Amino acid sequence: MNEAKPVEVPSGPRDAIRDVAVRLFGKQGFSGTSMRDIANAVGVLPGSLYAHIASKEALLVDIVSDGIHRFIAAVEPMVGATGSPIERLRAMIVAHVEVVADNPERSLVVFHQWRFLGPDNLPLAIERRREYERCFISVIEQGMATGQFRADLNRRIAVLSILGALNWTPEWLSPDGQLKPHEVGELMAGTLLGGVLA
């Protein structure tokens, strides 16, 4: 395993450890990252990590929980907001892309490493992911009820299709690219909404 270069410590050791874990889990995967890798990147002895964190899985729980919370917080207000379901679903797609752009490495971990959580932590992560899905399902249902979305939609399949596309954005989205995150979100929304509009 290649040793990562030490990073500058942010506001505290725990923050530095989490930032490094986000980077390494995103790059090497959870199972491909050791506590020694994290310690080397932070610039401390492996045993010193345990003064700040309980375990490698505790780090993953922290990252995944915080990440899912950010996505839910970004879209939940739109579920009951004013505006048409089309406008709100579009805004939710854009908001999702903006959260990804804020930290693509964190989003990679949230979307692709949560499966490595143990049996004590996995059920809550699954429930929080379903809570996020339900935000989208609710707006889809509202659009179906008003005739703006297709009446024959399978709500869950439609939402999983939208989220499936959105969840791969950290693989290719560059916050420093020619298009700003909200512009990318608008383009994606234009594509993804085509499958649900009446």
N, C-alpha and C. Protein backbone atom coordinates (compact mmCIF):
# COMPACT_ATOMS: atom_id res chain seq x y z
N MET A 1 0.84 -1.19 0.00
CA MET A 1 0.00 0.00 0.00
C MET A 1 0.87 1.24 0.00
N ASN A 2 0.59 2.17 -0.89
CA ASN A 2 1.36 3.41 -0.93
C ASN A 2 1.05 4.27 0.27
N GLU A 3 2.07 4.83 0.87
CA GLU A 3 1.86 5.70 2.01
C GLU A 3 1.43 7.07 1.52
N ALA A 4 0.36 7.59 2.12
CA ALA A 4 -0.14 8.90 1.72
C ALA A 4 0.70 9.98 2.39
N LYS A 5 0.74 11.13 1.75
CA LYS A 5 1.48 12.25 2.31
C LYS A 5 0.71 12.83 3.48
N PRO A 6 1.41 13.26 4.53
CA PRO A 6 0.72 13.89 5.66
C PRO A 6 -0.05 15.12 5.20
N VAL A 7 -1.16 15.37 5.88
CA VAL A 7 -1.97 16.53 5.55
C VAL A 7 -1.93 17.53 6.70
N GLU A 8 -2.29 18.75 6.40
CA GLU A 8 -2.38 19.76 7.45
C GLU A 8 -3.57 19.43 8.34
N VAL A 9 -3.39 19.59 9.63
CA VAL A 9 -4.46 19.29 10.58
C VAL A 9 -5.45 20.44 10.60
N PRO A 10 -6.78 20.16 10.36
CA PRO A 10 -7.77 21.23 10.44
C PRO A 10 -7.99 21.67 11.88
N SER A 11 -9.25 21.80 12.30
CA SER A 11 -9.52 22.38 13.61
C SER A 11 -9.17 21.45 14.76
N GLY A 12 -9.05 20.17 14.51
CA GLY A 12 -8.72 19.24 15.57
C GLY A 12 -8.30 17.90 15.00
N PRO A 13 -7.68 17.05 15.84
CA PRO A 13 -7.21 15.75 15.36
C PRO A 13 -8.32 14.88 14.77
N ARG A 14 -9.48 14.90 15.39
CA ARG A 14 -10.58 14.07 14.88
C ARG A 14 -10.99 14.52 13.48
N ASP A 15 -11.03 15.83 13.27
CA ASP A 15 -11.37 16.36 11.94
C ASP A 15 -10.33 15.93 10.92
N ALA A 16 -9.06 15.99 11.30
CA ALA A 16 -7.98 15.60 10.39
C ALA A 16 -8.10 14.12 10.04
N ILE A 17 -8.39 13.31 11.04
CA ILE A 17 -8.53 11.87 10.82
C ILE A 17 -9.70 11.59 9.89
N ARG A 18 -10.82 12.27 10.11
CA ARG A 18 -11.99 12.03 9.26
C ARG A 18 -11.72 12.50 7.83
N ASP A 19 -11.07 13.65 7.67
CA ASP A 19 -10.77 14.14 6.33
C ASP A 19 -9.87 13.16 5.56
N VAL A 20 -8.88 12.63 6.25
CA VAL A 20 -7.99 11.65 5.62
C VAL A 20 -8.76 10.37 5.30
N ALA A 21 -9.60 9.93 6.22
CA ALA A 21 -10.38 8.72 5.98
C ALA A 21 -11.30 8.88 4.78
N VAL A 22 -11.92 10.05 4.63
CA VAL A 22 -12.76 10.31 3.46
C VAL A 22 -11.95 10.14 2.18
N ARG A 23 -10.76 10.72 2.18
CA ARG A 23 -9.92 10.66 0.98
C ARG A 23 -9.48 9.22 0.68
N LEU A 24 -9.03 8.51 1.71
CA LEU A 24 -8.53 7.16 1.50
C LEU A 24 -9.64 6.16 1.22
N PHE A 25 -10.77 6.26 1.94
CA PHE A 25 -11.89 5.36 1.66
C PHE A 25 -12.40 5.57 0.24
N GLY A 26 -12.42 6.83 -0.19
CA GLY A 26 -12.89 7.12 -1.53
C GLY A 26 -11.94 6.60 -2.60
N LYS A 27 -10.66 6.66 -2.32
CA LYS A 27 -9.65 6.25 -3.30
C LYS A 27 -9.37 4.75 -3.27
N GLN A 28 -9.23 4.19 -2.06
CA GLN A 28 -8.80 2.80 -1.91
C GLN A 28 -9.93 1.86 -1.48
N GLY A 29 -11.06 2.44 -1.10
CA GLY A 29 -12.14 1.63 -0.54
C GLY A 29 -11.94 1.42 0.95
N PHE A 30 -13.02 1.11 1.65
CA PHE A 30 -12.96 0.92 3.10
C PHE A 30 -12.08 -0.28 3.44
N SER A 31 -12.33 -1.40 2.76
CA SER A 31 -11.57 -2.62 3.08
C SER A 31 -10.11 -2.52 2.64
N GLY A 32 -9.82 -1.64 1.67
CA GLY A 32 -8.45 -1.48 1.19
C GLY A 32 -7.65 -0.46 1.96
N THR A 33 -8.26 0.13 2.98
CA THR A 33 -7.59 1.14 3.79
C THR A 33 -7.37 0.61 5.20
N SER A 34 -6.16 0.67 5.67
CA SER A 34 -5.86 0.22 7.03
C SER A 34 -5.75 1.42 7.97
N MET A 35 -5.81 1.11 9.25
CA MET A 35 -5.61 2.17 10.24
C MET A 35 -4.19 2.75 10.11
N ARG A 36 -3.25 1.90 9.72
CA ARG A 36 -1.89 2.38 9.52
C ARG A 36 -1.84 3.39 8.38
N ASP A 37 -2.59 3.12 7.30
CA ASP A 37 -2.67 4.08 6.19
C ASP A 37 -3.16 5.44 6.68
N ILE A 38 -4.22 5.39 7.48
CA ILE A 38 -4.81 6.63 7.99
C ILE A 38 -3.82 7.36 8.89
N ALA A 39 -3.18 6.60 9.78
CA ALA A 39 -2.21 7.21 10.71
C ALA A 39 -1.05 7.84 9.95
N ASN A 40 -0.54 7.13 8.94
CA ASN A 40 0.57 7.68 8.16
C ASN A 40 0.18 8.97 7.46
N ALA A 41 -1.04 9.01 6.93
CA ALA A 41 -1.49 10.20 6.22
C ALA A 41 -1.71 11.38 7.17
N VAL A 42 -2.15 11.08 8.38
CA VAL A 42 -2.35 12.15 9.37
C VAL A 42 -1.02 12.59 9.96
N GLY A 43 -0.06 11.63 10.00
CA GLY A 43 1.26 11.95 10.57
C GLY A 43 1.37 11.61 12.03
N VAL A 44 0.66 10.54 12.46
CA VAL A 44 0.72 10.10 13.86
C VAL A 44 0.97 8.59 13.88
N LEU A 45 1.29 8.07 15.05
CA LEU A 45 1.44 6.62 15.21
C LEU A 45 0.06 5.97 15.18
N PRO A 46 -0.04 4.77 14.62
CA PRO A 46 -1.36 4.10 14.52
C PRO A 46 -2.10 4.04 15.86
N GLY A 47 -1.37 3.75 16.94
CA GLY A 47 -2.04 3.65 18.24
C GLY A 47 -2.63 4.96 18.71
N SER A 48 -2.07 6.06 18.22
CA SER A 48 -2.57 7.38 18.65
C SER A 48 -3.97 7.67 18.10
N LEU A 49 -4.35 7.00 17.01
CA LEU A 49 -5.67 7.24 16.44
C LEU A 49 -6.78 6.92 17.44
N TYR A 50 -6.53 5.90 18.26
CA TYR A 50 -7.59 5.43 19.16
C TYR A 50 -7.86 6.39 20.32
N ALA A 51 -7.05 7.42 20.45
CA ALA A 51 -7.36 8.46 21.43
C ALA A 51 -8.47 9.36 20.91
N HIS A 52 -8.76 9.28 19.59
CA HIS A 52 -9.73 10.18 18.97
C HIS A 52 -10.91 9.44 18.33
N ILE A 53 -10.72 8.18 17.94
CA ILE A 53 -11.78 7.39 17.32
C ILE A 53 -11.80 6.00 17.92
N ALA A 54 -12.98 5.37 17.88
CA ALA A 54 -13.10 4.03 18.46
C ALA A 54 -12.58 2.95 17.53
N SER A 55 -12.80 3.12 16.22
CA SER A 55 -12.42 2.09 15.26
C SER A 55 -12.52 2.64 13.85
N LYS A 56 -12.04 1.85 12.89
CA LYS A 56 -12.16 2.24 11.49
C LYS A 56 -13.64 2.30 11.09
N GLU A 57 -14.42 1.35 11.58
CA GLU A 57 -15.85 1.38 11.24
C GLU A 57 -16.54 2.59 11.84
N ALA A 58 -16.12 3.01 13.03
CA ALA A 58 -16.71 4.22 13.63
C ALA A 58 -16.48 5.42 12.73
N LEU A 59 -15.32 5.47 12.07
CA LEU A 59 -15.05 6.54 11.12
C LEU A 59 -16.02 6.46 9.95
N LEU A 60 -16.23 5.24 9.43
CA LEU A 60 -17.14 5.08 8.30
C LEU A 60 -18.56 5.47 8.69
N VAL A 61 -18.99 5.08 9.89
CA VAL A 61 -20.31 5.46 10.38
C VAL A 61 -20.45 6.98 10.41
N ASP A 62 -19.44 7.63 10.93
CA ASP A 62 -19.44 9.09 11.04
C ASP A 62 -19.57 9.74 9.66
N ILE A 63 -18.76 9.26 8.71
CA ILE A 63 -18.75 9.84 7.36
C ILE A 63 -20.08 9.59 6.65
N VAL A 64 -20.58 8.36 6.72
CA VAL A 64 -21.82 8.01 6.04
C VAL A 64 -23.00 8.74 6.65
N SER A 65 -23.07 8.78 7.98
CA SER A 65 -24.18 9.45 8.66
C SER A 65 -24.22 10.93 8.32
N ASP A 66 -23.06 11.56 8.40
CA ASP A 66 -22.97 13.00 8.09
C ASP A 66 -23.33 13.24 6.63
N GLY A 67 -22.84 12.38 5.74
CA GLY A 67 -23.12 12.56 4.32
C GLY A 67 -24.58 12.42 3.98
N ILE A 68 -25.21 11.37 4.47
CA ILE A 68 -26.64 11.17 4.19
C ILE A 68 -27.45 12.33 4.76
N HIS A 69 -27.07 12.79 5.95
CA HIS A 69 -27.77 13.94 6.55
C HIS A 69 -27.71 15.15 5.63
N ARG A 70 -26.57 15.40 5.02
CA ARG A 70 -26.43 16.55 4.13
C ARG A 70 -27.38 16.45 2.93
N PHE A 71 -27.50 15.25 2.37
CA PHE A 71 -28.39 15.07 1.22
C PHE A 71 -29.86 15.24 1.64
N ILE A 72 -30.24 14.65 2.76
CA ILE A 72 -31.62 14.78 3.22
C ILE A 72 -31.94 16.24 3.52
N ALA A 73 -31.03 16.92 4.21
CA ALA A 73 -31.25 18.33 4.57
C ALA A 73 -31.40 19.21 3.33
N ALA A 74 -30.74 18.81 2.24
CA ALA A 74 -30.79 19.62 1.02
C ALA A 74 -32.11 19.48 0.27
N VAL A 75 -32.74 18.30 0.33
CA VAL A 75 -33.94 18.08 -0.48
C VAL A 75 -35.24 18.05 0.33
N GLU A 76 -35.17 17.73 1.61
CA GLU A 76 -36.39 17.56 2.40
C GLU A 76 -37.29 18.80 2.41
N PRO A 77 -36.72 20.02 2.49
CA PRO A 77 -37.60 21.20 2.49
C PRO A 77 -38.43 21.33 1.22
N MET A 78 -38.00 20.73 0.13
CA MET A 78 -38.71 20.85 -1.14
C MET A 78 -39.92 19.93 -1.25
N VAL A 79 -39.99 18.95 -0.37
CA VAL A 79 -41.10 17.99 -0.44
C VAL A 79 -42.44 18.69 -0.23
N GLY A 80 -42.50 19.58 0.75
CA GLY A 80 -43.76 20.28 1.03
C GLY A 80 -43.74 21.74 0.63
N ALA A 81 -42.77 22.13 -0.17
CA ALA A 81 -42.65 23.54 -0.56
C ALA A 81 -43.69 23.91 -1.61
N THR A 82 -43.81 25.20 -1.87
CA THR A 82 -44.69 25.67 -2.93
C THR A 82 -44.02 25.40 -4.27
N GLY A 83 -44.77 25.54 -5.33
CA GLY A 83 -44.23 25.25 -6.66
C GLY A 83 -44.71 23.90 -7.15
N SER A 84 -44.66 23.70 -8.43
CA SER A 84 -45.16 22.47 -9.01
C SER A 84 -44.22 21.31 -8.69
N PRO A 85 -44.74 20.08 -8.71
CA PRO A 85 -43.87 18.92 -8.49
C PRO A 85 -42.71 18.88 -9.49
N ILE A 86 -42.95 19.33 -10.72
CA ILE A 86 -41.87 19.35 -11.71
C ILE A 86 -40.75 20.28 -11.25
N GLU A 87 -41.12 21.48 -10.82
CA GLU A 87 -40.12 22.45 -10.36
C GLU A 87 -39.37 21.93 -9.14
N ARG A 88 -40.11 21.29 -8.24
CA ARG A 88 -39.49 20.82 -7.00
C ARG A 88 -38.58 19.61 -7.25
N LEU A 89 -38.99 18.71 -8.14
CA LEU A 89 -38.14 17.57 -8.46
C LEU A 89 -36.86 18.04 -9.16
N ARG A 90 -37.02 19.02 -10.04
CA ARG A 90 -35.85 19.60 -10.70
C ARG A 90 -34.91 20.20 -9.65
N ALA A 91 -35.48 20.95 -8.70
CA ALA A 91 -34.66 21.59 -7.66
C ALA A 91 -33.97 20.55 -6.78
N MET A 92 -34.62 19.41 -6.54
CA MET A 92 -34.03 18.35 -5.73
C MET A 92 -32.84 17.72 -6.45
N ILE A 93 -32.97 17.53 -7.75
CA ILE A 93 -31.87 16.97 -8.55
C ILE A 93 -30.68 17.92 -8.52
N VAL A 94 -30.96 19.21 -8.71
CA VAL A 94 -29.88 20.21 -8.68
C VAL A 94 -29.23 20.24 -7.29
N ALA A 95 -30.05 20.18 -6.24
CA ALA A 95 -29.51 20.21 -4.87
C ALA A 95 -28.61 19.00 -4.61
N HIS A 96 -29.01 17.85 -5.12
CA HIS A 96 -28.20 16.63 -4.97
C HIS A 96 -26.82 16.84 -5.59
N VAL A 97 -26.79 17.36 -6.81
CA VAL A 97 -25.52 17.58 -7.51
C VAL A 97 -24.67 18.59 -6.75
N GLU A 98 -25.29 19.61 -6.18
CA GLU A 98 -24.53 20.62 -5.44
C GLU A 98 -23.91 20.02 -4.18
N VAL A 99 -24.63 19.11 -3.50
CA VAL A 99 -24.05 18.47 -2.32
C VAL A 99 -22.87 17.60 -2.74
N VAL A 100 -23.01 16.89 -3.86
CA VAL A 100 -21.90 16.08 -4.37
C VAL A 100 -20.69 16.97 -4.65
N ALA A 101 -20.93 18.09 -5.33
CA ALA A 101 -19.84 18.99 -5.72
C ALA A 101 -19.13 19.59 -4.52
N ASP A 102 -19.84 19.72 -3.40
CA ASP A 102 -19.23 20.28 -2.20
C ASP A 102 -18.07 19.41 -1.72
N ASN A 103 -18.18 18.09 -1.92
CA ASN A 103 -17.11 17.17 -1.53
C ASN A 103 -17.32 15.83 -2.24
N PRO A 104 -16.85 15.72 -3.49
CA PRO A 104 -17.05 14.48 -4.25
C PRO A 104 -16.48 13.24 -3.56
N GLU A 105 -15.35 13.39 -2.87
CA GLU A 105 -14.75 12.24 -2.19
C GLU A 105 -15.67 11.71 -1.09
N ARG A 106 -16.25 12.63 -0.32
CA ARG A 106 -17.19 12.21 0.72
C ARG A 106 -18.39 11.50 0.10
N SER A 107 -18.89 12.04 -1.02
CA SER A 107 -20.04 11.44 -1.68
C SER A 107 -19.72 10.04 -2.19
N LEU A 108 -18.51 9.82 -2.68
CA LEU A 108 -18.10 8.49 -3.12
C LEU A 108 -18.22 7.49 -1.97
N VAL A 109 -17.78 7.91 -0.79
CA VAL A 109 -17.84 7.02 0.37
C VAL A 109 -19.30 6.77 0.76
N VAL A 110 -20.09 7.82 0.79
CA VAL A 110 -21.50 7.70 1.18
C VAL A 110 -22.25 6.75 0.24
N PHE A 111 -22.00 6.86 -1.07
CA PHE A 111 -22.75 6.08 -2.04
C PHE A 111 -22.23 4.66 -2.22
N HIS A 112 -20.92 4.46 -2.04
CA HIS A 112 -20.35 3.17 -2.44
C HIS A 112 -19.66 2.38 -1.33
N GLN A 113 -19.46 2.97 -0.16
CA GLN A 113 -18.76 2.25 0.92
C GLN A 113 -19.67 1.91 2.10
N TRP A 114 -20.91 2.40 2.10
CA TRP A 114 -21.81 2.15 3.23
C TRP A 114 -22.08 0.66 3.43
N ARG A 115 -21.94 -0.13 2.36
CA ARG A 115 -22.22 -1.58 2.46
C ARG A 115 -21.24 -2.29 3.39
N PHE A 116 -20.12 -1.66 3.70
CA PHE A 116 -19.13 -2.29 4.57
C PHE A 116 -19.43 -2.08 6.04
N LEU A 117 -20.51 -1.38 6.35
CA LEU A 117 -20.90 -1.22 7.74
C LEU A 117 -21.31 -2.57 8.32
N GLY A 118 -21.02 -2.75 9.60
CA GLY A 118 -21.36 -4.00 10.28
C GLY A 118 -22.83 -4.07 10.62
N PRO A 119 -23.28 -5.23 11.13
CA PRO A 119 -24.70 -5.45 11.40
C PRO A 119 -25.31 -4.50 12.42
N ASP A 120 -24.48 -3.91 13.28
CA ASP A 120 -25.02 -2.95 14.26
C ASP A 120 -25.30 -1.59 13.64
N ASN A 121 -24.61 -1.27 12.57
CA ASN A 121 -24.73 0.06 11.97
C ASN A 121 -25.41 0.09 10.61
N LEU A 122 -25.41 -1.04 9.92
CA LEU A 122 -25.97 -1.08 8.57
C LEU A 122 -27.46 -0.75 8.51
N PRO A 123 -28.30 -1.30 9.43
CA PRO A 123 -29.75 -1.03 9.32
C PRO A 123 -30.09 0.46 9.37
N LEU A 124 -29.41 1.23 10.20
CA LEU A 124 -29.71 2.67 10.28
C LEU A 124 -29.32 3.37 8.98
N ALA A 125 -28.19 2.98 8.40
CA ALA A 125 -27.77 3.58 7.13
C ALA A 125 -28.78 3.27 6.04
N ILE A 126 -29.27 2.03 6.02
CA ILE A 126 -30.28 1.64 5.02
C ILE A 126 -31.56 2.45 5.22
N GLU A 127 -31.97 2.61 6.47
CA GLU A 127 -33.19 3.38 6.74
C GLU A 127 -33.04 4.83 6.34
N ARG A 128 -31.88 5.41 6.58
CA ARG A 128 -31.65 6.81 6.20
C ARG A 128 -31.63 6.96 4.68
N ARG A 129 -31.08 5.98 3.98
CA ARG A 129 -31.10 6.01 2.52
C ARG A 129 -32.54 5.92 2.01
N ARG A 130 -33.35 5.09 2.65
CA ARG A 130 -34.75 4.98 2.26
C ARG A 130 -35.51 6.25 2.57
N GLU A 131 -35.13 6.92 3.65
CA GLU A 131 -35.75 8.21 3.98
C GLU A 131 -35.48 9.21 2.86
N TYR A 132 -34.27 9.17 2.32
CA TYR A 132 -33.92 10.05 1.21
C TYR A 132 -34.75 9.69 -0.02
N GLU A 133 -34.86 8.41 -0.32
CA GLU A 133 -35.68 7.96 -1.44
C GLU A 133 -37.12 8.43 -1.29
N ARG A 134 -37.63 8.36 -0.05
CA ARG A 134 -39.04 8.74 0.19
C ARG A 134 -39.30 10.21 -0.11
N CYS A 135 -38.29 11.06 0.06
CA CYS A 135 -38.45 12.48 -0.31
C CYS A 135 -38.79 12.58 -1.80
N PHE A 136 -38.05 11.85 -2.62
CA PHE A 136 -38.28 11.87 -4.07
C PHE A 136 -39.59 11.19 -4.43
N ILE A 137 -39.88 10.06 -3.77
CA ILE A 137 -41.13 9.35 -4.05
C ILE A 137 -42.33 10.24 -3.76
N SER A 138 -42.27 10.99 -2.67
CA SER A 138 -43.37 11.87 -2.30
C SER A 138 -43.66 12.90 -3.39
N VAL A 139 -42.60 13.51 -3.93
CA VAL A 139 -42.80 14.52 -4.97
C VAL A 139 -43.28 13.86 -6.26
N ILE A 140 -42.78 12.67 -6.56
CA ILE A 140 -43.26 11.93 -7.73
C ILE A 140 -44.76 11.65 -7.58
N GLU A 141 -45.18 11.22 -6.40
CA GLU A 141 -46.60 10.93 -6.16
C GLU A 141 -47.45 12.18 -6.34
N GLN A 142 -46.94 13.31 -5.85
CA GLN A 142 -47.67 14.56 -6.01
C GLN A 142 -47.83 14.92 -7.48
N GLY A 143 -46.77 14.68 -8.26
CA GLY A 143 -46.84 14.96 -9.68
C GLY A 143 -47.76 14.03 -10.43
N MET A 144 -47.84 12.78 -9.98
CA MET A 144 -48.77 11.81 -10.58
C MET A 144 -50.21 12.21 -10.27
N ALA A 145 -50.42 12.69 -9.03
CA ALA A 145 -51.77 13.06 -8.61
C ALA A 145 -52.28 14.28 -9.37
N THR A 146 -51.36 15.17 -9.77
CA THR A 146 -51.77 16.37 -10.50
C THR A 146 -51.73 16.18 -12.01
N GLY A 147 -51.32 15.01 -12.44
CA GLY A 147 -51.27 14.73 -13.87
C GLY A 147 -50.03 15.25 -14.57
N GLN A 148 -49.08 15.77 -13.81
CA GLN A 148 -47.85 16.29 -14.42
C GLN A 148 -46.84 15.19 -14.72
N PHE A 149 -46.92 14.10 -13.93
CA PHE A 149 -46.06 12.95 -14.17
C PHE A 149 -46.93 11.80 -14.69
N ARG A 150 -46.33 10.90 -15.40
CA ARG A 150 -47.05 9.80 -16.01
C ARG A 150 -47.83 8.99 -14.97
N ALA A 151 -49.05 8.66 -15.30
CA ALA A 151 -49.91 7.92 -14.37
C ALA A 151 -49.47 6.47 -14.21
N ASP A 152 -48.73 5.95 -15.19
CA ASP A 152 -48.34 4.54 -15.15
C ASP A 152 -46.94 4.33 -14.55
N LEU A 153 -46.38 5.37 -13.94
CA LEU A 153 -45.03 5.25 -13.37
C LEU A 153 -45.01 4.25 -12.23
N ASN A 154 -43.96 3.46 -12.17
CA ASN A 154 -43.63 2.73 -10.95
C ASN A 154 -42.78 3.71 -10.14
N ARG A 155 -43.36 4.24 -9.08
CA ARG A 155 -42.72 5.33 -8.33
C ARG A 155 -41.31 4.97 -7.87
N ARG A 156 -41.17 3.79 -7.29
CA ARG A 156 -39.86 3.42 -6.72
C ARG A 156 -38.82 3.22 -7.81
N ILE A 157 -39.21 2.56 -8.90
CA ILE A 157 -38.27 2.36 -10.00
C ILE A 157 -37.86 3.71 -10.59
N ALA A 158 -38.82 4.62 -10.72
CA ALA A 158 -38.51 5.95 -11.25
C ALA A 158 -37.50 6.66 -10.36
N VAL A 159 -37.72 6.60 -9.05
CA VAL A 159 -36.82 7.28 -8.11
C VAL A 159 -35.45 6.61 -8.10
N LEU A 160 -35.42 5.28 -8.09
CA LEU A 160 -34.13 4.58 -8.08
C LEU A 160 -33.35 4.84 -9.38
N SER A 161 -34.07 5.02 -10.48
CA SER A 161 -33.40 5.35 -11.74
C SER A 161 -32.77 6.73 -11.67
N ILE A 162 -33.51 7.69 -11.11
CA ILE A 162 -32.98 9.05 -10.96
C ILE A 162 -31.79 9.05 -10.01
N LEU A 163 -31.96 8.41 -8.85
CA LEU A 163 -30.88 8.41 -7.87
C LEU A 163 -29.68 7.59 -8.36
N GLY A 164 -29.95 6.54 -9.12
CA GLY A 164 -28.85 5.75 -9.67
C GLY A 164 -27.94 6.60 -10.54
N ALA A 165 -28.56 7.44 -11.37
CA ALA A 165 -27.77 8.34 -12.21
C ALA A 165 -27.05 9.39 -11.36
N LEU A 166 -27.76 9.96 -10.40
CA LEU A 166 -27.17 11.01 -9.56
C LEU A 166 -26.03 10.48 -8.70
N ASN A 167 -26.15 9.25 -8.24
CA ASN A 167 -25.15 8.71 -7.31
C ASN A 167 -23.81 8.39 -7.97
N TRP A 168 -23.77 8.44 -9.30
CA TRP A 168 -22.49 8.24 -9.98
C TRP A 168 -21.80 9.56 -10.32
N THR A 169 -22.46 10.68 -10.02
CA THR A 169 -21.84 11.97 -10.35
C THR A 169 -20.50 12.20 -9.67
N PRO A 170 -20.25 11.70 -8.43
CA PRO A 170 -18.92 11.95 -7.86
C PRO A 170 -17.79 11.30 -8.64
N GLU A 171 -18.13 10.31 -9.48
CA GLU A 171 -17.10 9.64 -10.28
C GLU A 171 -16.56 10.55 -11.38
N TRP A 172 -17.39 11.49 -11.85
CA TRP A 172 -16.96 12.28 -12.99
C TRP A 172 -17.11 13.80 -12.81
N LEU A 173 -17.87 14.22 -11.81
CA LEU A 173 -18.10 15.66 -11.62
C LEU A 173 -16.85 16.36 -11.10
N SER A 174 -16.48 17.43 -11.75
CA SER A 174 -15.35 18.24 -11.30
C SER A 174 -15.86 19.59 -10.82
N PRO A 175 -15.72 19.89 -9.52
CA PRO A 175 -16.16 21.20 -9.02
C PRO A 175 -15.45 22.36 -9.73
N ASP A 176 -14.31 22.07 -10.33
CA ASP A 176 -13.55 23.11 -11.03
C ASP A 176 -13.76 23.06 -12.54
N GLY A 177 -14.76 22.29 -12.99
CA GLY A 177 -15.01 22.15 -14.42
C GLY A 177 -15.60 23.41 -15.04
N GLN A 178 -15.82 23.36 -16.35
CA GLN A 178 -16.35 24.53 -17.06
C GLN A 178 -17.75 24.88 -16.59
N LEU A 179 -18.55 23.87 -16.28
CA LEU A 179 -19.91 24.11 -15.81
C LEU A 179 -19.95 24.14 -14.30
N LYS A 180 -20.71 25.07 -13.75
CA LYS A 180 -20.89 25.11 -12.30
C LYS A 180 -21.81 23.96 -11.88
N PRO A 181 -21.72 23.53 -10.60
CA PRO A 181 -22.53 22.40 -10.16
C PRO A 181 -24.03 22.55 -10.45
N HIS A 182 -24.58 23.76 -10.23
CA HIS A 182 -26.02 23.91 -10.47
C HIS A 182 -26.34 23.81 -11.96
N GLU A 183 -25.38 24.18 -12.82
CA GLU A 183 -25.60 24.04 -14.26
C GLU A 183 -25.60 22.57 -14.66
N VAL A 184 -24.68 21.80 -14.07
CA VAL A 184 -24.67 20.35 -14.31
C VAL A 184 -25.98 19.74 -13.83
N GLY A 185 -26.42 20.18 -12.64
CA GLY A 185 -27.69 19.67 -12.10
C GLY A 185 -28.87 19.98 -13.00
N GLU A 186 -28.90 21.18 -13.55
CA GLU A 186 -30.00 21.55 -14.46
C GLU A 186 -29.99 20.68 -15.71
N LEU A 187 -28.81 20.42 -16.26
CA LEU A 187 -28.71 19.57 -17.44
C LEU A 187 -29.16 18.14 -17.12
N MET A 188 -28.74 17.64 -15.97
CA MET A 188 -29.15 16.29 -15.57
C MET A 188 -30.66 16.23 -15.34
N ALA A 189 -31.19 17.27 -14.71
CA ALA A 189 -32.62 17.31 -14.46
C ALA A 189 -33.39 17.28 -15.78
N GLY A 190 -32.90 18.03 -16.76
CA GLY A 190 -33.58 18.03 -18.06
C GLY A 190 -33.62 16.66 -18.68
N THR A 191 -32.55 15.89 -18.49
CA THR A 191 -32.49 14.53 -19.02
C THR A 191 -33.36 13.56 -18.22
N LEU A 192 -33.22 13.62 -16.89
CA LEU A 192 -33.89 12.65 -16.03
C LEU A 192 -35.40 12.87 -15.95
N LEU A 193 -35.83 14.13 -16.03
CA LEU A 193 -37.27 14.40 -15.95
C LEU A 193 -38.01 13.87 -17.19
N GLY A 194 -37.30 13.72 -18.30
CA GLY A 194 -37.96 13.25 -19.51
C GLY A 194 -38.64 11.90 -19.34
N GLY A 195 -38.14 11.09 -18.43
CA GLY A 195 -38.72 9.77 -18.24
C GLY A 195 -39.95 9.73 -17.38
N VAL A 196 -40.26 10.85 -16.68
CA VAL A 196 -41.40 10.83 -15.77
C VAL A 196 -42.50 11.79 -16.16
N LEU A 197 -42.23 12.75 -17.04
CA LEU A 197 -43.24 13.73 -17.39
C LEU A 197 -44.39 13.10 -18.17
N ALA A 198 -45.58 13.61 -17.91
CA ALA A 198 -46.77 13.11 -18.63
C ALA A 198 -46.71 13.58 -20.07
